[in-house]
Amino acid sequence: MTTMTPEDAIKAASSLARDIADGGLSPSDLERQAVAECRELFGTVAGPGDPLWELHRDIACQVLALDGVPSDELAEWLAVARQRAGEPVAAVVSLPLPKPDEAPVTAPEPETPASEADSPEHGGAPATGADPAPAVPSSPRPDRYDPLAGWQPGNTRRNR
């Protein structure tokens, strides 16, 4: 193996600049070549024994954080992971998402007590204005991290 000297690097950069200036090489050609090289070096995920495994995981987390995988596909992969782990796989119920021009669906307002037996004075639920704080559902597995704890669903943050 030969060692590249500073003169070799300068000659290579000059040759590249000359090819671009002459129109023999375009920036899109360079980009295509860079993508092909990256795919060859990094594009195959072999698993935990792969030296690039941690980098693959870091990039996967970044893709998920940027909504790079649709929620229905994520649900499918979750079902696959649970099946591999031997957990029972429940049917996934997908909820329709509102279209961008539609108003979001909101939960109905709680009703006032229908009879005197339902009133707070008789041991029933308190009146509408005096609702206690809603109970936060506990995680089915308290020993595990719940990434959705405290998350309030809202409008999408994706640019459309």
N, C-alpha and C. Protein backbone atom coordinates (compact mmCIF):
# COMPACT_ATOMS: atom_id res chain seq x y z
N MET A 1 0.84 -1.17 0.00
CA MET A 1 0.00 0.00 0.00
C MET A 1 0.89 1.24 0.00
N THR A 2 0.54 2.18 -0.83
CA THR A 2 1.33 3.41 -0.90
C THR A 2 0.71 4.47 -0.03
N THR A 3 1.54 5.36 0.43
CA THR A 3 1.09 6.46 1.26
C THR A 3 0.87 7.68 0.38
N MET A 4 -0.28 8.34 0.56
CA MET A 4 -0.58 9.53 -0.22
C MET A 4 0.15 10.72 0.39
N THR A 5 0.83 11.44 -0.45
CA THR A 5 1.55 12.63 -0.01
C THR A 5 0.66 13.86 -0.23
N PRO A 6 1.02 14.99 0.38
CA PRO A 6 0.24 16.21 0.13
C PRO A 6 0.22 16.58 -1.36
N GLU A 7 1.31 16.32 -2.07
CA GLU A 7 1.36 16.63 -3.49
C GLU A 7 0.36 15.78 -4.27
N ASP A 8 0.23 14.50 -3.87
CA ASP A 8 -0.74 13.60 -4.53
C ASP A 8 -2.16 14.11 -4.32
N ALA A 9 -2.48 14.56 -3.11
CA ALA A 9 -3.81 15.07 -2.82
C ALA A 9 -4.10 16.33 -3.62
N ILE A 10 -3.10 17.20 -3.75
CA ILE A 10 -3.28 18.44 -4.52
C ILE A 10 -3.52 18.11 -5.99
N LYS A 11 -2.76 17.16 -6.54
CA LYS A 11 -2.94 16.76 -7.94
C LYS A 11 -4.33 16.17 -8.17
N ALA A 12 -4.79 15.33 -7.24
CA ALA A 12 -6.12 14.71 -7.37
C ALA A 12 -7.22 15.77 -7.31
N ALA A 13 -7.09 16.74 -6.39
CA ALA A 13 -8.09 17.80 -6.28
C ALA A 13 -8.08 18.67 -7.52
N SER A 14 -6.90 18.98 -8.04
CA SER A 14 -6.80 19.78 -9.27
C SER A 14 -7.44 19.06 -10.45
N SER A 15 -7.20 17.76 -10.55
CA SER A 15 -7.78 16.97 -11.64
C SER A 15 -9.31 16.97 -11.54
N LEU A 16 -9.81 16.82 -10.32
CA LEU A 16 -11.26 16.84 -10.10
C LEU A 16 -11.85 18.20 -10.47
N ALA A 17 -11.19 19.27 -10.04
CA ALA A 17 -11.67 20.62 -10.35
C ALA A 17 -11.66 20.86 -11.86
N ARG A 18 -10.63 20.36 -12.56
CA ARG A 18 -10.54 20.52 -14.00
C ARG A 18 -11.69 19.77 -14.70
N ASP A 19 -11.98 18.54 -14.24
CA ASP A 19 -13.08 17.76 -14.83
C ASP A 19 -14.42 18.47 -14.64
N ILE A 20 -14.63 19.06 -13.48
CA ILE A 20 -15.89 19.78 -13.23
C ILE A 20 -15.96 21.02 -14.11
N ALA A 21 -14.85 21.77 -14.20
CA ALA A 21 -14.84 22.99 -15.00
C ALA A 21 -15.04 22.70 -16.48
N ASP A 22 -14.53 21.58 -16.98
CA ASP A 22 -14.67 21.21 -18.39
C ASP A 22 -16.04 20.62 -18.71
N GLY A 23 -16.85 20.37 -17.67
CA GLY A 23 -18.18 19.80 -17.89
C GLY A 23 -18.17 18.28 -17.97
N GLY A 24 -17.04 17.67 -17.75
CA GLY A 24 -16.94 16.20 -17.80
C GLY A 24 -17.49 15.53 -16.55
N LEU A 25 -17.66 16.30 -15.50
CA LEU A 25 -18.15 15.74 -14.24
C LEU A 25 -19.05 16.79 -13.60
N SER A 26 -20.28 16.41 -13.29
CA SER A 26 -21.22 17.36 -12.69
C SER A 26 -21.39 17.06 -11.20
N PRO A 27 -21.83 18.04 -10.44
CA PRO A 27 -22.09 17.80 -9.01
C PRO A 27 -23.10 16.67 -8.79
N SER A 28 -24.09 16.54 -9.68
CA SER A 28 -25.06 15.44 -9.50
C SER A 28 -24.39 14.08 -9.73
N ASP A 29 -23.39 14.03 -10.65
CA ASP A 29 -22.63 12.78 -10.83
C ASP A 29 -21.85 12.45 -9.56
N LEU A 30 -21.24 13.46 -8.97
CA LEU A 30 -20.50 13.24 -7.72
C LEU A 30 -21.43 12.77 -6.61
N GLU A 31 -22.60 13.38 -6.53
CA GLU A 31 -23.57 12.99 -5.50
C GLU A 31 -24.01 11.54 -5.70
N ARG A 32 -24.32 11.18 -6.94
CA ARG A 32 -24.72 9.79 -7.24
C ARG A 32 -23.63 8.81 -6.85
N GLN A 33 -22.39 9.15 -7.17
CA GLN A 33 -21.27 8.27 -6.83
C GLN A 33 -21.10 8.17 -5.31
N ALA A 34 -21.24 9.29 -4.61
CA ALA A 34 -21.12 9.28 -3.15
C ALA A 34 -22.22 8.42 -2.52
N VAL A 35 -23.45 8.53 -3.03
CA VAL A 35 -24.56 7.73 -2.51
C VAL A 35 -24.30 6.25 -2.76
N ALA A 36 -23.81 5.91 -3.95
CA ALA A 36 -23.50 4.50 -4.26
C ALA A 36 -22.42 3.96 -3.34
N GLU A 37 -21.39 4.76 -3.09
CA GLU A 37 -20.31 4.31 -2.19
C GLU A 37 -20.81 4.14 -0.76
N CYS A 38 -21.64 5.09 -0.29
CA CYS A 38 -22.20 4.99 1.06
C CYS A 38 -23.07 3.75 1.18
N ARG A 39 -23.89 3.50 0.16
CA ARG A 39 -24.76 2.33 0.19
C ARG A 39 -23.93 1.04 0.25
N GLU A 40 -22.83 1.02 -0.50
CA GLU A 40 -21.97 -0.18 -0.51
C GLU A 40 -21.31 -0.38 0.84
N LEU A 41 -20.84 0.71 1.45
CA LEU A 41 -20.14 0.62 2.73
C LEU A 41 -21.08 0.42 3.91
N PHE A 42 -22.24 1.05 3.87
CA PHE A 42 -23.10 1.13 5.05
C PHE A 42 -24.49 0.54 4.85
N GLY A 43 -24.88 0.27 3.61
CA GLY A 43 -26.25 -0.07 3.28
C GLY A 43 -26.75 -1.43 3.72
N THR A 44 -25.90 -2.32 4.16
CA THR A 44 -26.34 -3.64 4.60
C THR A 44 -26.22 -3.72 6.12
N VAL A 45 -27.35 -4.01 6.78
CA VAL A 45 -27.37 -4.13 8.23
C VAL A 45 -27.26 -5.62 8.55
N ALA A 46 -26.16 -6.00 9.20
CA ALA A 46 -25.90 -7.41 9.47
C ALA A 46 -26.39 -7.84 10.85
N GLY A 47 -26.53 -6.91 11.78
CA GLY A 47 -26.99 -7.26 13.11
C GLY A 47 -26.00 -6.85 14.18
N PRO A 48 -26.26 -7.26 15.42
CA PRO A 48 -25.45 -6.80 16.55
C PRO A 48 -23.95 -7.12 16.44
N GLY A 49 -23.56 -8.11 15.67
CA GLY A 49 -22.14 -8.42 15.53
C GLY A 49 -21.41 -7.52 14.55
N ASP A 50 -22.14 -6.73 13.80
CA ASP A 50 -21.56 -5.84 12.80
C ASP A 50 -20.85 -4.68 13.49
N PRO A 51 -19.63 -4.32 13.08
CA PRO A 51 -18.94 -3.19 13.71
C PRO A 51 -19.68 -1.86 13.53
N LEU A 52 -20.55 -1.77 12.53
CA LEU A 52 -21.32 -0.54 12.30
C LEU A 52 -22.68 -0.56 13.00
N TRP A 53 -22.95 -1.57 13.81
CA TRP A 53 -24.26 -1.74 14.42
C TRP A 53 -24.70 -0.51 15.22
N GLU A 54 -23.83 0.04 16.05
CA GLU A 54 -24.20 1.21 16.85
C GLU A 54 -24.53 2.40 15.95
N LEU A 55 -23.78 2.58 14.88
CA LEU A 55 -24.06 3.66 13.94
C LEU A 55 -25.40 3.44 13.25
N HIS A 56 -25.69 2.18 12.86
CA HIS A 56 -26.99 1.86 12.26
C HIS A 56 -28.12 2.23 13.22
N ARG A 57 -27.97 1.87 14.50
CA ARG A 57 -29.00 2.17 15.49
C ARG A 57 -29.17 3.67 15.68
N ASP A 58 -28.07 4.40 15.75
CA ASP A 58 -28.15 5.85 15.91
C ASP A 58 -28.90 6.49 14.74
N ILE A 59 -28.59 6.06 13.54
CA ILE A 59 -29.25 6.62 12.36
C ILE A 59 -30.73 6.23 12.35
N ALA A 60 -31.03 4.99 12.72
CA ALA A 60 -32.44 4.56 12.77
C ALA A 60 -33.23 5.43 13.76
N CYS A 61 -32.65 5.73 14.90
CA CYS A 61 -33.34 6.59 15.88
C CYS A 61 -33.56 7.98 15.31
N GLN A 62 -32.59 8.51 14.58
CA GLN A 62 -32.76 9.83 13.98
C GLN A 62 -33.87 9.82 12.92
N VAL A 63 -33.93 8.75 12.14
CA VAL A 63 -34.98 8.63 11.12
C VAL A 63 -36.35 8.59 11.79
N LEU A 64 -36.46 7.82 12.87
CA LEU A 64 -37.73 7.74 13.59
C LEU A 64 -38.10 9.09 14.20
N ALA A 65 -37.13 9.81 14.72
CA ALA A 65 -37.39 11.11 15.33
C ALA A 65 -37.89 12.12 14.30
N LEU A 66 -37.52 11.93 13.06
CA LEU A 66 -37.95 12.85 11.99
C LEU A 66 -39.16 12.33 11.23
N ASP A 67 -39.89 11.38 11.82
CA ASP A 67 -41.08 10.78 11.20
C ASP A 67 -40.76 10.19 9.84
N GLY A 68 -39.61 9.53 9.74
CA GLY A 68 -39.18 8.96 8.47
C GLY A 68 -39.82 7.63 8.14
N VAL A 69 -40.51 7.02 9.10
CA VAL A 69 -41.19 5.74 8.86
C VAL A 69 -42.66 5.95 9.21
N PRO A 70 -43.57 5.65 8.27
CA PRO A 70 -45.00 5.85 8.55
C PRO A 70 -45.46 5.01 9.75
N SER A 71 -46.45 5.52 10.47
CA SER A 71 -46.91 4.86 11.69
C SER A 71 -47.46 3.45 11.43
N ASP A 72 -48.12 3.23 10.28
CA ASP A 72 -48.63 1.89 10.02
C ASP A 72 -47.49 0.90 9.82
N GLU A 73 -46.40 1.33 9.21
CA GLU A 73 -45.24 0.45 9.04
C GLU A 73 -44.57 0.19 10.39
N LEU A 74 -44.50 1.21 11.25
CA LEU A 74 -43.96 1.01 12.59
C LEU A 74 -44.79 0.00 13.37
N ALA A 75 -46.11 0.07 13.22
CA ALA A 75 -46.99 -0.89 13.91
C ALA A 75 -46.72 -2.31 13.43
N GLU A 76 -46.47 -2.46 12.14
CA GLU A 76 -46.15 -3.79 11.60
C GLU A 76 -44.85 -4.32 12.19
N TRP A 77 -43.83 -3.46 12.26
CA TRP A 77 -42.54 -3.90 12.82
C TRP A 77 -42.66 -4.19 14.31
N LEU A 78 -43.50 -3.45 15.02
CA LEU A 78 -43.72 -3.74 16.43
C LEU A 78 -44.36 -5.11 16.59
N ALA A 79 -45.32 -5.44 15.73
CA ALA A 79 -45.95 -6.76 15.78
C ALA A 79 -44.92 -7.86 15.49
N VAL A 80 -44.03 -7.62 14.54
CA VAL A 80 -42.98 -8.61 14.23
C VAL A 80 -42.07 -8.79 15.43
N ALA A 81 -41.65 -7.69 16.07
CA ALA A 81 -40.76 -7.77 17.23
C ALA A 81 -41.43 -8.51 18.38
N ARG A 82 -42.72 -8.24 18.60
CA ARG A 82 -43.43 -8.93 19.69
C ARG A 82 -43.58 -10.42 19.39
N GLN A 83 -43.81 -10.74 18.14
CA GLN A 83 -43.94 -12.16 17.76
C GLN A 83 -42.61 -12.87 17.96
N ARG A 84 -41.51 -12.22 17.59
CA ARG A 84 -40.18 -12.82 17.80
C ARG A 84 -39.90 -13.04 19.27
N ALA A 85 -40.39 -12.12 20.11
CA ALA A 85 -40.17 -12.22 21.55
C ALA A 85 -41.12 -13.22 22.21
N GLY A 86 -42.03 -13.78 21.44
CA GLY A 86 -42.97 -14.76 21.98
C GLY A 86 -44.18 -14.15 22.65
N GLU A 87 -44.37 -12.85 22.50
CA GLU A 87 -45.54 -12.20 23.09
C GLU A 87 -46.74 -12.39 22.17
N PRO A 88 -47.94 -12.42 22.74
CA PRO A 88 -49.12 -12.50 21.88
C PRO A 88 -49.26 -11.21 21.08
N VAL A 89 -49.61 -11.36 19.84
CA VAL A 89 -49.74 -10.21 18.96
C VAL A 89 -51.22 -9.90 18.79
N ALA A 90 -51.64 -8.73 19.26
CA ALA A 90 -53.03 -8.31 19.12
C ALA A 90 -53.21 -7.65 17.76
N ALA A 91 -54.42 -7.67 17.29
CA ALA A 91 -54.72 -7.02 16.02
C ALA A 91 -54.53 -5.51 16.18
N VAL A 92 -53.92 -4.91 15.20
CA VAL A 92 -53.67 -3.47 15.24
C VAL A 92 -54.88 -2.77 14.65
N VAL A 93 -55.41 -1.83 15.39
CA VAL A 93 -56.54 -1.05 14.92
C VAL A 93 -56.00 0.31 14.50
N SER A 94 -56.13 0.61 13.23
CA SER A 94 -55.63 1.91 12.78
C SER A 94 -56.77 2.91 12.79
N LEU A 95 -56.50 4.07 13.33
CA LEU A 95 -57.48 5.13 13.41
C LEU A 95 -57.29 6.05 12.21
N PRO A 96 -58.38 6.51 11.64
CA PRO A 96 -58.22 7.42 10.49
C PRO A 96 -57.65 8.75 10.96
N LEU A 97 -56.68 9.25 10.20
CA LEU A 97 -56.09 10.54 10.52
C LEU A 97 -56.89 11.63 9.81
N PRO A 98 -57.06 12.78 10.46
CA PRO A 98 -57.80 13.85 9.78
C PRO A 98 -56.98 14.38 8.60
N LYS A 99 -57.68 14.75 7.56
CA LYS A 99 -57.02 15.34 6.40
C LYS A 99 -56.58 16.75 6.78
N PRO A 100 -55.57 17.29 6.09
CA PRO A 100 -55.05 18.61 6.48
C PRO A 100 -56.11 19.71 6.51
N ASP A 101 -57.15 19.62 5.68
CA ASP A 101 -58.16 20.68 5.65
C ASP A 101 -59.31 20.42 6.62
N GLU A 102 -59.32 19.29 7.32
CA GLU A 102 -60.38 18.98 8.28
C GLU A 102 -59.96 19.41 9.68
N ALA A 103 -60.94 19.73 10.50
CA ALA A 103 -60.67 20.05 11.90
C ALA A 103 -60.39 18.75 12.64
N PRO A 104 -59.48 18.76 13.61
CA PRO A 104 -59.20 17.55 14.36
C PRO A 104 -60.41 17.12 15.18
N VAL A 105 -60.54 15.81 15.35
CA VAL A 105 -61.64 15.26 16.13
C VAL A 105 -61.31 15.47 17.60
N THR A 106 -62.27 16.00 18.35
CA THR A 106 -62.07 16.23 19.78
C THR A 106 -62.99 15.32 20.58
N ALA A 107 -62.59 15.06 21.79
CA ALA A 107 -63.40 14.22 22.67
C ALA A 107 -64.64 14.99 23.11
N PRO A 108 -65.77 14.31 23.30
CA PRO A 108 -66.97 15.00 23.75
C PRO A 108 -66.80 15.51 25.18
N GLU A 109 -67.51 16.60 25.48
CA GLU A 109 -67.46 17.17 26.83
C GLU A 109 -68.21 16.25 27.79
N PRO A 110 -67.74 16.14 29.04
CA PRO A 110 -68.47 15.32 30.01
C PRO A 110 -69.84 15.91 30.29
N GLU A 111 -70.79 15.02 30.53
CA GLU A 111 -72.16 15.47 30.78
C GLU A 111 -72.36 15.76 32.26
N THR A 112 -73.37 16.57 32.54
CA THR A 112 -73.72 16.84 33.93
C THR A 112 -74.51 15.64 34.44
N PRO A 113 -74.57 15.46 35.76
CA PRO A 113 -75.30 14.32 36.30
C PRO A 113 -76.76 14.32 35.83
N ALA A 114 -77.23 13.15 35.43
CA ALA A 114 -78.59 13.02 34.90
C ALA A 114 -79.63 12.99 36.01
N SER A 115 -79.26 12.56 37.18
CA SER A 115 -80.25 12.48 38.26
C SER A 115 -79.58 12.90 39.57
N GLU A 116 -80.41 13.01 40.59
CA GLU A 116 -79.90 13.40 41.89
C GLU A 116 -78.98 12.32 42.46
N ALA A 117 -79.20 11.05 42.09
CA ALA A 117 -78.39 9.95 42.61
C ALA A 117 -76.96 10.03 42.07
N ASP A 118 -76.80 10.66 40.90
CA ASP A 118 -75.47 10.78 40.32
C ASP A 118 -74.72 12.01 40.83
N SER A 119 -75.37 12.86 41.58
CA SER A 119 -74.73 14.10 42.02
C SER A 119 -73.70 13.81 43.11
N PRO A 120 -72.76 14.74 43.32
CA PRO A 120 -71.71 14.53 44.32
C PRO A 120 -72.26 14.40 45.74
N GLU A 121 -73.37 15.07 46.00
CA GLU A 121 -73.94 15.01 47.35
C GLU A 121 -74.41 13.60 47.71
N HIS A 122 -74.73 12.79 46.72
CA HIS A 122 -75.22 11.43 46.96
C HIS A 122 -74.18 10.37 46.62
N GLY A 123 -72.90 10.78 46.58
CA GLY A 123 -71.83 9.80 46.33
C GLY A 123 -71.56 9.56 44.86
N GLY A 124 -72.20 10.32 43.99
CA GLY A 124 -71.98 10.15 42.56
C GLY A 124 -70.78 10.95 42.10
N ALA A 125 -70.66 11.09 40.81
CA ALA A 125 -69.55 11.84 40.22
C ALA A 125 -69.74 13.32 40.50
N PRO A 126 -68.67 14.07 40.65
CA PRO A 126 -68.81 15.51 40.88
C PRO A 126 -69.37 16.20 39.65
N ALA A 127 -69.91 17.37 39.84
CA ALA A 127 -70.47 18.14 38.73
C ALA A 127 -69.37 18.48 37.73
N THR A 128 -69.79 18.93 36.54
CA THR A 128 -68.85 19.18 35.45
C THR A 128 -67.72 20.12 35.85
N GLY A 129 -68.00 21.18 36.55
CA GLY A 129 -66.98 22.15 36.91
C GLY A 129 -65.99 21.64 37.94
N ALA A 130 -66.29 20.57 38.65
CA ALA A 130 -65.44 20.08 39.74
C ALA A 130 -64.81 18.73 39.41
N ASP A 131 -64.49 18.50 38.13
CA ASP A 131 -63.89 17.20 37.77
C ASP A 131 -62.53 17.04 38.45
N PRO A 132 -62.31 15.85 39.02
CA PRO A 132 -60.98 15.60 39.58
C PRO A 132 -59.99 15.45 38.42
N ALA A 133 -58.70 15.51 38.73
CA ALA A 133 -57.68 15.34 37.68
C ALA A 133 -57.84 13.96 37.06
N PRO A 134 -57.74 13.86 35.73
CA PRO A 134 -57.90 12.55 35.09
C PRO A 134 -56.78 11.61 35.52
N ALA A 135 -57.15 10.37 35.68
CA ALA A 135 -56.17 9.37 36.09
C ALA A 135 -55.26 9.06 34.91
N VAL A 136 -53.96 9.01 35.16
CA VAL A 136 -53.00 8.65 34.12
C VAL A 136 -52.88 7.14 34.12
N PRO A 137 -53.13 6.50 32.97
CA PRO A 137 -53.04 5.04 32.95
C PRO A 137 -51.60 4.61 33.23
N SER A 138 -51.48 3.59 34.05
CA SER A 138 -50.14 3.10 34.36
C SER A 138 -49.67 2.17 33.26
N SER A 139 -48.38 2.11 33.09
CA SER A 139 -47.79 1.25 32.07
C SER A 139 -48.05 -0.20 32.44
N PRO A 140 -48.36 -1.05 31.45
CA PRO A 140 -48.57 -2.46 31.78
C PRO A 140 -47.29 -3.11 32.30
N ARG A 141 -46.16 -2.49 32.01
CA ARG A 141 -44.88 -3.00 32.50
C ARG A 141 -44.17 -1.86 33.23
N PRO A 142 -44.41 -1.70 34.52
CA PRO A 142 -43.81 -0.58 35.23
C PRO A 142 -42.29 -0.66 35.30
N ASP A 143 -41.71 -1.84 35.07
CA ASP A 143 -40.26 -1.97 35.14
C ASP A 143 -39.57 -1.54 33.85
N ARG A 144 -40.34 -1.15 32.83
CA ARG A 144 -39.76 -0.77 31.54
C ARG A 144 -40.02 0.71 31.26
N TYR A 145 -39.17 1.29 30.47
CA TYR A 145 -39.31 2.68 30.06
C TYR A 145 -40.50 2.82 29.13
N ASP A 146 -41.35 3.81 29.39
CA ASP A 146 -42.49 4.07 28.54
C ASP A 146 -42.24 5.36 27.78
N PRO A 147 -41.89 5.27 26.47
CA PRO A 147 -41.56 6.48 25.73
C PRO A 147 -42.75 7.40 25.52
N LEU A 148 -43.97 6.91 25.69
CA LEU A 148 -45.15 7.75 25.46
C LEU A 148 -45.70 8.34 26.75
N ALA A 149 -45.06 8.06 27.88
CA ALA A 149 -45.54 8.61 29.15
C ALA A 149 -45.47 10.13 29.08
N GLY A 150 -46.56 10.78 29.34
CA GLY A 150 -46.61 12.22 29.33
C GLY A 150 -46.80 12.84 27.95
N TRP A 151 -46.87 12.04 26.93
CA TRP A 151 -47.04 12.55 25.57
C TRP A 151 -48.50 12.87 25.33
N GLN A 152 -48.76 14.05 24.84
CA GLN A 152 -50.11 14.46 24.51
C GLN A 152 -50.23 14.51 23.00
N PRO A 153 -51.13 13.72 22.42
CA PRO A 153 -51.25 13.75 20.96
C PRO A 153 -51.74 15.11 20.49
N GLY A 154 -51.29 15.50 19.35
CA GLY A 154 -51.69 16.79 18.79
C GLY A 154 -51.52 16.76 17.29
N ASN A 155 -51.49 17.91 16.72
CA ASN A 155 -51.32 18.00 15.27
C ASN A 155 -49.94 17.52 14.88
N THR A 156 -49.80 17.11 13.65
CA THR A 156 -48.52 16.65 13.15
C THR A 156 -47.55 17.81 13.06
N ARG A 157 -46.30 17.52 13.20
CA ARG A 157 -45.28 18.55 13.11
C ARG A 157 -44.52 18.43 11.79
N ARG A 158 -44.97 17.55 10.92
CA ARG A 158 -44.33 17.38 9.62
C ARG A 158 -44.71 18.51 8.69
N ASN A 159 -43.78 18.92 7.87
CA ASN A 159 -44.06 19.90 6.83
C ASN A 159 -44.74 19.16 5.68
N ARG A 160 -45.77 19.71 5.18
CA ARG A 160 -46.47 19.06 4.07
C ARG A 160 -46.33 19.86 2.83
